């Protein structure tokens, strides 16, 4: 566990060798449902909670102005403004939006960024009901340009690559009942040198924030590889799964439906087999990906 002083002193937003701390490995976007019926009906998952909405917000002139008290779960943020998430703080009257084409909006001196580096502090309280034998993660789909995350006063991790999701395991940090998150979001990081485009420079939590709870042993990633023969009727579907904390007795079940919702094929395989192959004949439109429901 890193102390607040260590986090600030490390200045990882100016270290080109560090793009994340404690971020989970990227994977296919997956939802967790309790039943097959919920998944097939595309209902809102009870295991997924959106943390979009109003967050408490305070803008600093630079990250060095960040106070340790801001990350404490019992800090009184009642006088702070409320800012909608997802959004950019420049579009709500804080700081200034900047437009550039081929020129950086700061001196070209990588990996260093301006000392006056606007830093937004976000705080959010939410209720959590713990589940035995479960893993809970939080995903930030987009934060510009870099951020540190604390949960209930404890540092969780760091991420940049602002156009990519950042997912963290919160299981060890959450408590039953009320919980509190703090983000320190920096406008500029060494990643800004690579993200320079013909665009408006904006900052903040600008995409969804989602809390997901799954059993400790769960499907962590899925890869599907489809090939067709020359007649476009026969094909081979290869499904590769990665399971977190696998158990030797588990079985992977793959079910394929067509675009009308009719069952095409179903196959199960014991854990440890490299992949599942499914021969599909003449019922799936090969150009409609959504007809292959995994």
C-alpha atoms as a PDB file:
ATOM      1  CA  UNK A   1       0.000   0.000   0.000  1.00  0.00           C
ATOM      2  CA  UNK A   2       1.331   3.447  -0.920  1.00  0.00           C
ATOM      3  CA  UNK A   3       0.975   6.444   1.336  1.00  0.00           C
ATOM      4  CA  UNK A   4      -0.477   9.709   0.093  1.00  0.00           C
ATOM      5  CA  UNK A   5       2.960  11.370   0.268  1.00  0.00           C
ATOM      6  CA  UNK A   6       4.503   8.592  -1.837  1.00  0.00           C
ATOM      7  CA  UNK A   7       1.807   8.915  -4.484  1.00  0.00           C
ATOM      8  CA  UNK A   8       2.357  12.652  -4.918  1.00  0.00           C
ATOM      9  CA  UNK A   9       6.163  12.450  -4.723  1.00  0.00           C
ATOM     10  CA  UNK A  10       6.341   9.758  -7.425  1.00  0.00           C
ATOM     11  CA  UNK A  11       4.984  12.174 -10.067  1.00  0.00           C
ATOM     12  CA  UNK A  12       4.035   9.285 -12.316  1.00  0.00           C
ATOM     13  CA  UNK A  13       2.252  11.680 -14.636  1.00  0.00           C
ATOM     14  CA  UNK A  14       5.775  12.694 -15.737  1.00  0.00           C
ATOM     15  CA  UNK A  15       7.241   9.193 -15.985  1.00  0.00           C
ATOM     16  CA  UNK A  16       7.052   7.722 -19.483  1.00  0.00           C
ATOM     17  CA  UNK A  17       7.858   4.273 -18.091  1.00  0.00           C
ATOM     18  CA  UNK A  18       4.648   4.154 -16.034  1.00  0.00           C
ATOM     19  CA  UNK A  19       1.216   4.186 -17.658  1.00  0.00           C
ATOM     20  CA  UNK A  20      -0.702   2.345 -14.942  1.00  0.00           C
ATOM     21  CA  UNK A  21      -0.556   0.914 -11.443  1.00  0.00           C
ATOM     22  CA  UNK A  22      -2.879  -1.934 -10.420  1.00  0.00           C
ATOM     23  CA  UNK A  23      -5.039  -1.709 -13.542  1.00  0.00           C
ATOM     24  CA  UNK A  24      -6.525  -5.082 -14.487  1.00  0.00           C
ATOM     25  CA  UNK A  25      -5.622  -6.646 -17.822  1.00  0.00           C
ATOM     26  CA  UNK A  26      -7.792  -5.476 -20.749  1.00  0.00           C
ATOM     27  CA  UNK A  27     -10.489  -7.856 -21.964  1.00  0.00           C
ATOM     28  CA  UNK A  28     -13.578  -8.067 -24.118  1.00  0.00           C
ATOM     29  CA  UNK A  29     -16.454  -5.965 -22.732  1.00  0.00           C
ATOM     30  CA  UNK A  30     -18.472  -8.396 -20.623  1.00  0.00           C
ATOM     31  CA  UNK A  31     -21.594  -8.095 -18.513  1.00  0.00           C
ATOM     32  CA  UNK A  32     -22.294 -10.396 -15.585  1.00  0.00           C
ATOM     33  CA  UNK A  33     -25.807 -11.841 -15.346  1.00  0.00           C
ATOM     34  CA  UNK A  34     -27.262 -14.165 -12.729  1.00  0.00           C
ATOM     35  CA  UNK A  35     -29.352 -16.161 -15.194  1.00  0.00           C
ATOM     36  CA  UNK A  36     -29.328 -17.044 -18.891  1.00  0.00           C
ATOM     37  CA  UNK A  37     -32.774 -15.459 -19.223  1.00  0.00           C
ATOM     38  CA  UNK A  38     -31.499 -12.088 -17.992  1.00  0.00           C
ATOM     39  CA  UNK A  39     -28.613 -12.212 -20.445  1.00  0.00           C
ATOM     40  CA  UNK A  40     -30.764 -13.199 -23.421  1.00  0.00           C
ATOM     41  CA  UNK A  41     -33.304 -10.469 -22.688  1.00  0.00           C
ATOM     42  CA  UNK A  42     -30.495  -7.902 -22.361  1.00  0.00           C
ATOM     43  CA  UNK A  43     -31.934  -6.743 -19.053  1.00  0.00           C
ATOM     44  CA  UNK A  44     -30.106  -4.472 -16.676  1.00  0.00           C
ATOM     45  CA  UNK A  45     -27.788  -6.702 -14.684  1.00  0.00           C
ATOM     46  CA  UNK A  46     -28.288  -6.753 -10.926  1.00  0.00           C
ATOM     47  CA  UNK A  47     -24.540  -7.322 -10.642  1.00  0.00           C
ATOM     48  CA  UNK A  48     -23.731  -4.029 -12.359  1.00  0.00           C
ATOM     49  CA  UNK A  49     -24.204  -0.562 -10.850  1.00  0.00           C
ATOM     50  CA  UNK A  50     -23.612   2.742 -12.626  1.00  0.00           C
ATOM     51  CA  UNK A  51     -21.804   5.419 -10.645  1.00  0.00           C
ATOM     52  CA  UNK A  52     -22.666   8.072 -13.212  1.00  0.00           C
ATOM     53  CA  UNK A  53     -24.389  11.156 -11.861  1.00  0.00           C
ATOM     54  CA  UNK A  54     -23.373  13.910  -9.487  1.00  0.00           C
ATOM     55  CA  UNK A  55     -19.913  13.774  -7.924  1.00  0.00           C
ATOM     56  CA  UNK A  56     -18.438  16.356  -5.571  1.00  0.00           C
ATOM     57  CA  UNK A  57     -15.769  18.386  -7.381  1.00  0.00           C
ATOM     58  CA  UNK A  58     -12.969  20.788  -6.496  1.00  0.00           C
ATOM     59  CA  UNK A  59     -10.445  22.247  -8.963  1.00  0.00           C
ATOM     60  CA  UNK A  60      -6.816  22.853  -7.972  1.00  0.00           C
ATOM     61  CA  UNK A  61      -4.185  24.829  -9.866  1.00  0.00           C
ATOM     62  CA  UNK A  62      -1.655  21.982  -9.703  1.00  0.00           C
ATOM     63  CA  UNK A  63      -1.352  18.460  -8.249  1.00  0.00           C
ATOM     64  CA  UNK A  64       0.980  19.655  -5.478  1.00  0.00           C
ATOM     65  CA  UNK A  65      -2.011  21.519  -4.010  1.00  0.00           C
ATOM     66  CA  UNK A  66      -3.755  18.199  -3.327  1.00  0.00           C
ATOM     67  CA  UNK A  67      -4.324  17.672   0.414  1.00  0.00           C
ATOM     68  CA  UNK A  68      -4.234  14.298   2.118  1.00  0.00           C
ATOM     69  CA  UNK A  69      -7.500  15.143   3.850  1.00  0.00           C
ATOM     70  CA  UNK A  70      -9.253  15.168   0.456  1.00  0.00           C
ATOM     71  CA  UNK A  71      -8.904  11.379   0.168  1.00  0.00           C
ATOM     72  CA  UNK A  72     -10.194  10.622   3.671  1.00  0.00           C
ATOM     73  CA  UNK A  73     -13.575   8.912   3.726  1.00  0.00           C
ATOM     74  CA  UNK A  74     -14.819  11.237   6.487  1.00  0.00           C
ATOM     75  CA  UNK A  75     -13.706  14.479   4.780  1.00  0.00           C
ATOM     76  CA  UNK A  76     -16.513  17.047   4.705  1.00  0.00           C
ATOM     77  CA  UNK A  77     -16.992  17.923   1.025  1.00  0.00           C
ATOM     78  CA  UNK A  78     -20.358  19.557   1.627  1.00  0.00           C
ATOM     79  CA  UNK A  79     -19.109  22.949   0.409  1.00  0.00           C
ATOM     80  CA  UNK A  80     -17.708  21.553  -2.839  1.00  0.00           C
ATOM     81  CA  UNK A  81     -19.568  21.932  -6.108  1.00  0.00           C
ATOM     82  CA  UNK A  82     -21.528  19.099  -7.698  1.00  0.00           C
ATOM     83  CA  UNK A  83     -20.317  18.066 -11.157  1.00  0.00           C
ATOM     84  CA  UNK A  84     -22.064  15.676 -13.503  1.00  0.00           C
ATOM     85  CA  UNK A  85     -20.218  12.494 -14.533  1.00  0.00           C
ATOM     86  CA  UNK A  86     -19.554  11.795 -17.344  1.00  0.00           C
ATOM     87  CA  UNK A  87     -18.576  15.271 -18.502  1.00  0.00           C
ATOM     88  CA  UNK A  88     -15.594  17.595 -19.002  1.00  0.00           C
ATOM     89  CA  UNK A  89     -14.995  20.212 -16.344  1.00  0.00           C
ATOM     90  CA  UNK A  90     -14.149  22.907 -18.915  1.00  0.00           C
ATOM     91  CA  UNK A  91     -17.728  22.665 -20.193  1.00  0.00           C
ATOM     92  CA  UNK A  92     -19.046  23.527 -16.723  1.00  0.00           C
ATOM     93  CA  UNK A  93     -17.145  26.773 -16.203  1.00  0.00           C
ATOM     94  CA  UNK A  94     -13.895  25.430 -14.723  1.00  0.00           C
ATOM     95  CA  UNK A  95     -10.533  26.071 -16.374  1.00  0.00           C
ATOM     96  CA  UNK A  96     -10.457  26.770 -20.141  1.00  0.00           C
ATOM     97  CA  UNK A  97     -10.961  24.543 -23.185  1.00  0.00           C
ATOM     98  CA  UNK A  98      -8.008  24.698 -25.586  1.00  0.00           C
ATOM     99  CA  UNK A  99      -8.032  23.991 -29.303  1.00  0.00           C
ATOM    100  CA  UNK A 100      -4.804  23.113 -31.125  1.00  0.00           C
ATOM    101  CA  UNK A 101      -3.925  21.503 -34.437  1.00  0.00           C
ATOM    102  CA  UNK A 102      -0.206  20.781 -34.914  1.00  0.00           C
ATOM    103  CA  UNK A 103       1.221  22.666 -31.931  1.00  0.00           C
ATOM    104  CA  UNK A 104       1.304  21.435 -28.339  1.00  0.00           C
ATOM    105  CA  UNK A 105      -0.628  23.622 -25.874  1.00  0.00           C
ATOM    106  CA  UNK A 106       2.469  23.596 -23.625  1.00  0.00           C
ATOM    107  CA  UNK A 107       6.267  23.712 -23.996  1.00  0.00           C
ATOM    108  CA  UNK A 108       7.679  20.698 -25.836  1.00  0.00           C
ATOM    109  CA  UNK A 109       9.831  19.101 -23.128  1.00  0.00           C
ATOM    110  CA  UNK A 110       8.824  15.450 -22.704  1.00  0.00           C
ATOM    111  CA  UNK A 111       8.062  13.818 -20.365  1.00  0.00           C
ATOM    112  CA  UNK A 112       7.528  17.000 -18.355  1.00  0.00           C
ATOM    113  CA  UNK A 113       4.291  18.967 -18.325  1.00  0.00           C
ATOM    114  CA  UNK A 114       3.489  22.476 -17.076  1.00  0.00           C
ATOM    115  CA  UNK A 115       3.866  23.148 -13.368  1.00  0.00           C
ATOM    116  CA  UNK A 116       0.493  24.880 -13.537  1.00  0.00           C
ATOM    117  CA  UNK A 117      -1.357  21.659 -14.236  1.00  0.00           C
ATOM    118  CA  UNK A 118      -5.094  21.984 -13.439  1.00  0.00           C
ATOM    119  CA  UNK A 119      -6.108  19.093 -11.211  1.00  0.00           C
ATOM    120  CA  UNK A 120      -9.675  18.060 -10.514  1.00  0.00           C
ATOM    121  CA  UNK A 121     -10.595  16.250  -7.305  1.00  0.00           C
ATOM    122  CA  UNK A 122     -13.716  14.091  -7.569  1.00  0.00           C
ATOM    123  CA  UNK A 123     -15.473  12.488  -4.592  1.00  0.00           C
ATOM    124  CA  UNK A 124     -18.386  10.047  -4.605  1.00  0.00           C
ATOM    125  CA  UNK A 125     -20.280   8.189  -1.873  1.00  0.00           C
ATOM    126  CA  UNK A 126     -22.271   5.060  -2.652  1.00  0.00           C
ATOM    127  CA  UNK A 127     -23.908   2.112  -0.933  1.00  0.00           C
ATOM    128  CA  UNK A 128     -22.541  -1.409  -1.321  1.00  0.00           C
ATOM    129  CA  UNK A 129     -23.975  -4.768  -0.278  1.00  0.00           C
ATOM    130  CA  UNK A 130     -21.180  -7.285   0.088  1.00  0.00           C
ATOM    131  CA  UNK A 131     -21.499 -10.799  -1.344  1.00  0.00           C
ATOM    132  CA  UNK A 132     -19.632 -13.845  -0.103  1.00  0.00           C
ATOM    133  CA  UNK A 133     -17.189 -15.353  -2.590  1.00  0.00           C
ATOM    134  CA  UNK A 134     -17.420 -12.409  -4.980  1.00  0.00           C
ATOM    135  CA  UNK A 135     -15.057  -9.997  -6.724  1.00  0.00           C
ATOM    136  CA  UNK A 136     -16.026  -6.357  -7.247  1.00  0.00           C
ATOM    137  CA  UNK A 137     -14.319  -4.138  -9.801  1.00  0.00           C
ATOM    138  CA  UNK A 138     -14.730  -0.549 -10.904  1.00  0.00           C
ATOM    139  CA  UNK A 139     -14.272   0.524 -14.522  1.00  0.00           C
ATOM    140  CA  UNK A 140     -13.599   4.062 -15.727  1.00  0.00           C
ATOM    141  CA  UNK A 141     -14.274   4.064 -19.470  1.00  0.00           C
ATOM    142  CA  UNK A 142     -12.441   7.346 -20.018  1.00  0.00           C
ATOM    143  CA  UNK A 143     -10.590   9.868 -17.820  1.00  0.00           C
ATOM    144  CA  UNK A 144      -8.476  12.645 -19.318  1.00  0.00           C
ATOM    145  CA  UNK A 145      -5.560  12.642 -19.008  1.00  0.00           C
ATOM    146  CA  UNK A 146      -4.368  10.729 -15.918  1.00  0.00           C
ATOM    147  CA  UNK A 147      -5.711   9.909 -12.477  1.00  0.00           C
ATOM    148  CA  UNK A 148      -5.031   8.366  -9.091  1.00  0.00           C
ATOM    149  CA  UNK A 149      -7.832   6.492  -7.302  1.00  0.00           C
ATOM    150  CA  UNK A 150      -8.509   6.090  -3.579  1.00  0.00           C
ATOM    151  CA  UNK A 151     -11.266   4.023  -1.957  1.00  0.00           C
ATOM    152  CA  UNK A 152     -12.232   4.680   1.671  1.00  0.00           C
ATOM    153  CA  UNK A 153      -8.978   6.573   2.152  1.00  0.00           C
ATOM    154  CA  UNK A 154      -6.729   3.834   0.737  1.00  0.00           C
ATOM    155  CA  UNK A 155      -4.827   4.279  -2.515  1.00  0.00           C
ATOM    156  CA  UNK A 156      -6.031   1.829  -5.183  1.00  0.00           C
ATOM    157  CA  UNK A 157      -4.087   2.649  -8.349  1.00  0.00           C
ATOM    158  CA  UNK A 158      -3.167   4.939 -11.219  1.00  0.00           C
ATOM    159  CA  UNK A 159      -3.984   5.127 -14.929  1.00  0.00           C
ATOM    160  CA  UNK A 160      -3.437   7.211 -18.031  1.00  0.00           C
ATOM    161  CA  UNK A 161      -4.170   6.278 -21.686  1.00  0.00           C
ATOM    162  CA  UNK A 162      -7.291   8.395 -21.412  1.00  0.00           C
ATOM    163  CA  UNK A 163      -9.181   6.826 -24.343  1.00  0.00           C
ATOM    164  CA  UNK A 164      -8.902   3.322 -22.886  1.00  0.00           C
ATOM    165  CA  UNK A 165     -10.925   1.860 -20.001  1.00  0.00           C
ATOM    166  CA  UNK A 166      -9.201   1.436 -16.644  1.00  0.00           C
ATOM    167  CA  UNK A 167     -10.503  -1.343 -14.382  1.00  0.00           C
ATOM    168  CA  UNK A 168      -9.477  -1.845 -10.743  1.00  0.00           C
ATOM    169  CA  UNK A 169     -10.254  -4.584  -8.221  1.00  0.00           C
ATOM    170  CA  UNK A 170     -11.970  -2.960  -5.230  1.00  0.00           C
ATOM    171  CA  UNK A 171     -12.767  -6.179  -3.350  1.00  0.00           C
ATOM    172  CA  UNK A 172     -10.200  -5.596  -0.602  1.00  0.00           C
ATOM    173  CA  UNK A 173     -11.194  -1.956  -0.126  1.00  0.00           C
ATOM    174  CA  UNK A 174     -14.996  -2.050   0.076  1.00  0.00           C
ATOM    175  CA  UNK A 175     -17.077  -2.318   3.242  1.00  0.00           C
ATOM    176  CA  UNK A 176     -20.710  -3.143   3.877  1.00  0.00           C
ATOM    177  CA  UNK A 177     -22.861  -0.020   3.618  1.00  0.00           C
ATOM    178  CA  UNK A 178     -21.473   3.393   2.663  1.00  0.00           C
ATOM    179  CA  UNK A 179     -18.229   3.645   0.706  1.00  0.00           C
ATOM    180  CA  UNK A 180     -16.324   6.619  -0.658  1.00  0.00           C
ATOM    181  CA  UNK A 181     -14.190   7.148  -3.772  1.00  0.00           C
ATOM    182  CA  UNK A 182     -11.717   9.951  -4.514  1.00  0.00           C
ATOM    183  CA  UNK A 183     -10.074  10.664  -7.865  1.00  0.00           C
ATOM    184  CA  UNK A 184      -7.253  13.109  -8.494  1.00  0.00           C
ATOM    185  CA  UNK A 185      -7.485  13.876 -12.221  1.00  0.00           C
ATOM    186  CA  UNK A 186      -4.656  15.744 -13.954  1.00  0.00           C
ATOM    187  CA  UNK A 187      -5.188  17.795 -17.082  1.00  0.00           C
ATOM    188  CA  UNK A 188      -1.675  17.102 -18.413  1.00  0.00           C
ATOM    189  CA  UNK A 189       0.514  14.006 -18.237  1.00  0.00           C
ATOM    190  CA  UNK A 190       3.385  12.607 -20.277  1.00  0.00           C
ATOM    191  CA  UNK A 191       0.682  10.779 -22.213  1.00  0.00           C
ATOM    192  CA  UNK A 192      -0.532  14.148 -23.498  1.00  0.00           C
ATOM    193  CA  UNK A 193       2.464  14.201 -25.848  1.00  0.00           C
ATOM    194  CA  UNK A 194       1.108  11.109 -27.615  1.00  0.00           C
ATOM    195  CA  UNK A 195      -2.540  12.134 -27.456  1.00  0.00           C
ATOM    196  CA  UNK A 196      -1.906  15.414 -29.256  1.00  0.00           C
ATOM    197  CA  UNK A 197      -4.406  15.612 -32.116  1.00  0.00           C
ATOM    198  CA  UNK A 198      -6.355  18.171 -34.084  1.00  0.00           C
ATOM    199  CA  UNK A 199      -8.885  18.538 -31.287  1.00  0.00           C
ATOM    200  CA  UNK A 200     -10.235  20.371 -28.289  1.00  0.00           C
ATOM    201  CA  UNK A 201      -8.272  19.630 -25.112  1.00  0.00           C
ATOM    202  CA  UNK A 202     -10.773  18.838 -22.354  1.00  0.00           C
ATOM    203  CA  UNK A 203     -10.439  17.132 -18.977  1.00  0.00           C
ATOM    204  CA  UNK A 204     -12.307  15.038 -16.453  1.00  0.00           C
ATOM    205  CA  UNK A 205     -14.230  11.786 -16.107  1.00  0.00           C
ATOM    206  CA  UNK A 206     -15.767  11.956 -19.564  1.00  0.00           C
ATOM    207  CA  UNK A 207     -17.085   8.394 -19.943  1.00  0.00           C
ATOM    208  CA  UNK A 208     -19.096   5.955 -17.823  1.00  0.00           C
ATOM    209  CA  UNK A 209     -18.112   4.682 -14.377  1.00  0.00           C
ATOM    210  CA  UNK A 210     -19.375   1.196 -13.523  1.00  0.00           C
ATOM    211  CA  UNK A 211     -19.195  -1.076 -10.490  1.00  0.00           C
ATOM    212  CA  UNK A 212     -19.415  -4.824 -11.277  1.00  0.00           C
ATOM    213  CA  UNK A 213     -19.660  -7.795  -8.936  1.00  0.00           C
ATOM    214  CA  UNK A 214     -18.951 -11.358 -10.099  1.00  0.00           C
ATOM    215  CA  UNK A 215     -18.222 -14.698  -8.426  1.00  0.00           C
ATOM    216  CA  UNK A 216     -14.533 -15.085  -7.611  1.00  0.00           C
ATOM    217  CA  UNK A 217     -14.339 -17.719 -10.340  1.00  0.00           C
ATOM    218  CA  UNK A 218     -15.769 -16.121 -13.479  1.00  0.00           C
ATOM    219  CA  UNK A 219     -15.222 -15.726 -17.207  1.00  0.00           C
ATOM    220  CA  UNK A 220     -12.645 -12.945 -17.413  1.00  0.00           C
ATOM    221  CA  UNK A 221     -12.214 -12.781 -21.190  1.00  0.00           C
ATOM    222  CA  UNK A 222     -13.694 -14.277 -24.344  1.00  0.00           C
ATOM    223  CA  UNK A 223     -12.242 -14.438 -27.849  1.00  0.00           C
ATOM    224  CA  UNK A 224     -14.338 -15.665 -30.771  1.00  0.00           C
ATOM    225  CA  UNK A 225     -12.763 -16.464 -34.138  1.00  0.00           C
ATOM    226  CA  UNK A 226     -15.123 -17.195 -37.029  1.00  0.00           C
ATOM    227  CA  UNK A 227     -14.159 -18.506 -40.457  1.00  0.00           C
ATOM    228  CA  UNK A 228     -16.344 -19.375 -43.465  1.00  0.00           C
ATOM    229  CA  UNK A 229     -15.919 -21.707 -46.393  1.00  0.00           C
ATOM    230  CA  UNK A 230     -16.195 -20.479 -49.977  1.00  0.00           C
ATOM    231  CA  UNK A 231     -19.939 -21.227 -50.205  1.00  0.00           C
ATOM    232  CA  UNK A 232     -20.647 -18.932 -47.220  1.00  0.00           C
ATOM    233  CA  UNK A 233     -22.845 -21.641 -45.678  1.00  0.00           C
ATOM    234  CA  UNK A 234     -20.479 -23.735 -43.591  1.00  0.00           C
ATOM    235  CA  UNK A 235     -18.209 -22.197 -41.011  1.00  0.00           C
ATOM    236  CA  UNK A 236     -16.046 -22.836 -38.006  1.00  0.00           C
ATOM    237  CA  UNK A 237     -16.499 -20.895 -34.774  1.00  0.00           C
ATOM    238  CA  UNK A 238     -13.670 -21.066 -32.271  1.00  0.00           C
ATOM    239  CA  UNK A 239     -14.303 -19.783 -28.760  1.00  0.00           C
ATOM    240  CA  UNK A 240     -11.434 -19.186 -26.346  1.00  0.00           C
ATOM    241  CA  UNK A 241     -12.193 -18.262 -22.741  1.00  0.00           C
ATOM    242  CA  UNK A 242     -10.060 -17.103 -19.846  1.00  0.00           C
ATOM    243  CA  UNK A 243     -11.402 -17.892 -16.391  1.00  0.00           C
ATOM    244  CA  UNK A 244     -10.356 -16.053 -13.243  1.00  0.00           C
ATOM    245  CA  UNK A 245      -9.553 -18.352 -10.311  1.00  0.00           C
ATOM    246  CA  UNK A 246     -10.635 -21.492 -12.192  1.00  0.00           C
ATOM    247  CA  UNK A 247     -11.795 -24.644 -10.449  1.00  0.00           C
ATOM    248  CA  UNK A 248     -10.951 -28.054 -11.909  1.00  0.00           C
ATOM    249  CA  UNK A 249     -14.564 -29.229 -11.849  1.00  0.00           C
ATOM    250  CA  UNK A 250     -15.930 -26.340 -13.909  1.00  0.00           C
ATOM    251  CA  UNK A 251     -17.385 -26.644 -17.394  1.00  0.00           C
ATOM    252  CA  UNK A 252     -17.631 -23.972 -20.080  1.00  0.00           C
ATOM    253  CA  UNK A 253     -20.980 -23.904 -21.888  1.00  0.00           C
ATOM    254  CA  UNK A 254     -21.183 -22.129 -25.277  1.00  0.00           C
ATOM    255  CA  UNK A 255     -24.615 -21.501 -26.794  1.00  0.00           C
ATOM    256  CA  UNK A 256     -25.120 -20.037 -30.279  1.00  0.00           C
ATOM    257  CA  UNK A 257     -28.358 -18.360 -31.372  1.00  0.00           C
ATOM    258  CA  UNK A 258     -29.295 -16.946 -34.758  1.00  0.00           C
ATOM    259  CA  UNK A 259     -30.630 -13.453 -35.386  1.00  0.00           C
ATOM    260  CA  UNK A 260     -34.215 -14.588 -34.673  1.00  0.00           C
ATOM    261  CA  UNK A 261     -33.260 -15.896 -31.242  1.00  0.00           C
ATOM    262  CA  UNK A 262     -33.507 -19.546 -32.239  1.00  0.00           C
ATOM    263  CA  UNK A 263     -30.999 -22.004 -30.832  1.00  0.00           C
ATOM    264  CA  UNK A 264     -28.400 -23.040 -33.424  1.00  0.00           C
ATOM    265  CA  UNK A 265     -26.037 -25.141 -31.358  1.00  0.00           C
ATOM    266  CA  UNK A 266     -24.803 -25.737 -27.850  1.00  0.00           C
ATOM    267  CA  UNK A 267     -21.628 -27.372 -26.601  1.00  0.00           C
ATOM    268  CA  UNK A 268     -19.951 -27.782 -23.242  1.00  0.00           C
ATOM    269  CA  UNK A 269     -16.354 -28.538 -22.467  1.00  0.00           C
ATOM    270  CA  UNK A 270     -14.427 -29.213 -19.289  1.00  0.00           C
ATOM    271  CA  UNK A 271     -11.992 -26.573 -18.071  1.00  0.00           C
ATOM    272  CA  UNK A 272      -8.452 -26.969 -19.376  1.00  0.00           C
ATOM    273  CA  UNK A 273      -9.358 -27.828 -22.965  1.00  0.00           C
ATOM    274  CA  UNK A 274      -7.767 -25.277 -25.278  1.00  0.00           C
ATOM    275  CA  UNK A 275     -10.890 -24.143 -27.134  1.00  0.00           C
ATOM    276  CA  UNK A 276     -14.440 -24.947 -28.211  1.00  0.00           C
ATOM    277  CA  UNK A 277     -15.113 -25.592 -31.912  1.00  0.00           C
ATOM    278  CA  UNK A 278     -18.632 -25.341 -33.242  1.00  0.00           C
ATOM    279  CA  UNK A 279     -19.616 -26.244 -36.811  1.00  0.00           C
ATOM    280  CA  UNK A 280     -22.497 -24.047 -37.908  1.00  0.00           C
ATOM    281  CA  UNK A 281     -24.440 -24.824 -41.074  1.00  0.00           C
ATOM    282  CA  UNK A 282     -26.544 -22.455 -43.128  1.00  0.00           C
ATOM    283  CA  UNK A 283     -28.505 -20.656 -40.403  1.00  0.00           C
ATOM    284  CA  UNK A 284     -26.415 -17.651 -39.382  1.00  0.00           C
ATOM    285  CA  UNK A 285     -26.039 -14.565 -41.524  1.00  0.00           C
ATOM    286  CA  UNK A 286     -22.212 -14.305 -41.604  1.00  0.00           C
ATOM    287  CA  UNK A 287     -22.319 -10.521 -41.881  1.00  0.00           C
ATOM    288  CA  UNK A 288     -24.355  -9.834 -38.730  1.00  0.00           C
ATOM    289  CA  UNK A 289     -22.110 -10.125 -35.701  1.00  0.00           C
ATOM    290  CA  UNK A 290     -24.965  -9.563 -33.267  1.00  0.00           C
ATOM    291  CA  UNK A 291     -26.546 -12.843 -34.367  1.00  0.00           C
ATOM    292  CA  UNK A 292     -23.726 -14.703 -32.625  1.00  0.00           C
ATOM    293  CA  UNK A 293     -24.610 -14.308 -28.978  1.00  0.00           C
ATOM    294  CA  UNK A 294     -22.005 -15.520 -26.502  1.00  0.00           C
END
